[in-house]
Amino acid sequence: MAEKWIQKAIKKPGALRATAKRMKLLKEGETLSASDLVKMKKKAEQTGNKKLMARVNLAKTLKKMKK
């Protein structure tokens, strides 16, 4: 496993949050919740957006690591 795989995995910091704001899931100053991630994952599956799906999955993985 690479030493800094997390830094290399996050190509565009803030992209998932920006997408959530465009989807009107977040207001200013709020954080992404688990329910927001579920909604975003469903939207990615419906539209076939693989990049959004990857970002959501990475966010879920990082959230698990934080615990």
Protein backbone atom coordinates (compact mmCIF):
# COMPACT_ATOMS: atom_id res chain seq x y z
CA MET A 1 0.00 0.00 0.00
CA ALA A 2 1.28 3.47 -0.83
CA GLU A 3 2.39 5.70 2.01
CA LYS A 4 0.13 8.62 1.16
CA TRP A 5 -2.73 6.92 -0.66
CA ILE A 6 -5.37 9.23 0.80
CA GLN A 7 -3.67 12.36 -0.54
CA LYS A 8 -3.30 10.71 -3.95
CA ALA A 9 -6.92 9.49 -3.94
CA ILE A 10 -8.34 12.98 -3.41
CA LYS A 11 -7.70 14.66 -6.75
CA LYS A 12 -10.07 17.60 -6.31
CA PRO A 13 -10.67 18.57 -2.68
CA GLY A 14 -14.13 20.02 -2.14
CA ALA A 15 -15.65 18.60 -5.33
CA LEU A 16 -18.11 16.35 -3.48
CA ARG A 17 -19.18 19.23 -1.25
CA ALA A 18 -19.66 21.50 -4.28
CA THR A 19 -21.83 18.86 -5.93
CA ALA A 20 -23.89 18.54 -2.75
CA LYS A 21 -24.45 22.31 -2.73
CA ARG A 22 -25.56 22.23 -6.37
CA MET A 23 -27.99 19.44 -5.48
CA LYS A 24 -29.27 21.68 -2.64
CA LEU A 25 -28.37 19.13 0.04
CA LEU A 26 -26.16 21.54 1.98
CA LYS A 27 -26.45 25.06 3.22
CA GLU A 28 -23.51 27.26 4.13
CA GLY A 29 -21.52 25.90 7.06
CA GLU A 30 -23.16 22.47 7.19
CA THR A 31 -21.31 19.18 6.93
CA LEU A 32 -22.13 16.18 4.77
CA SER A 33 -24.20 13.64 6.67
CA ALA A 34 -24.62 9.94 5.97
CA SER A 35 -28.11 10.56 4.58
CA ASP A 36 -26.68 13.16 2.16
CA LEU A 37 -24.17 10.59 0.93
CA VAL A 38 -26.96 8.05 0.39
CA LYS A 39 -28.96 10.58 -1.65
CA MET A 40 -25.91 11.44 -3.72
CA LYS A 41 -25.15 7.77 -4.33
CA LYS A 42 -28.71 7.16 -5.57
CA LYS A 43 -28.44 10.16 -7.90
CA ALA A 44 -25.11 8.88 -9.24
CA GLU A 45 -26.63 5.44 -9.91
CA GLN A 46 -29.62 6.97 -11.70
CA THR A 47 -27.52 9.18 -13.94
CA GLY A 48 -24.64 6.75 -14.39
CA ASN A 49 -22.14 9.28 -13.04
CA LYS A 50 -19.13 7.10 -12.18
CA LYS A 51 -17.00 9.97 -10.88
CA LEU A 52 -19.65 11.02 -8.36
CA MET A 53 -20.06 7.39 -7.31
CA ALA A 54 -16.32 7.11 -6.68
CA ARG A 55 -16.28 10.33 -4.66
CA VAL A 56 -19.19 9.19 -2.50
CA ASN A 57 -17.58 5.79 -1.91
CA LEU A 58 -14.29 7.44 -0.92
CA ALA A 59 -16.11 9.76 1.47
CA LYS A 60 -17.82 6.76 3.11
CA THR A 61 -14.47 4.97 3.42
CA LEU A 62 -12.79 7.98 5.00
CA LYS A 63 -15.72 8.45 7.37
CA LYS A 64 -15.27 4.84 8.57
CA MET A 65 -11.56 5.41 9.12
CA LYS A 66 -12.24 8.47 11.26
CA LYS A 67 -14.06 6.42 13.93
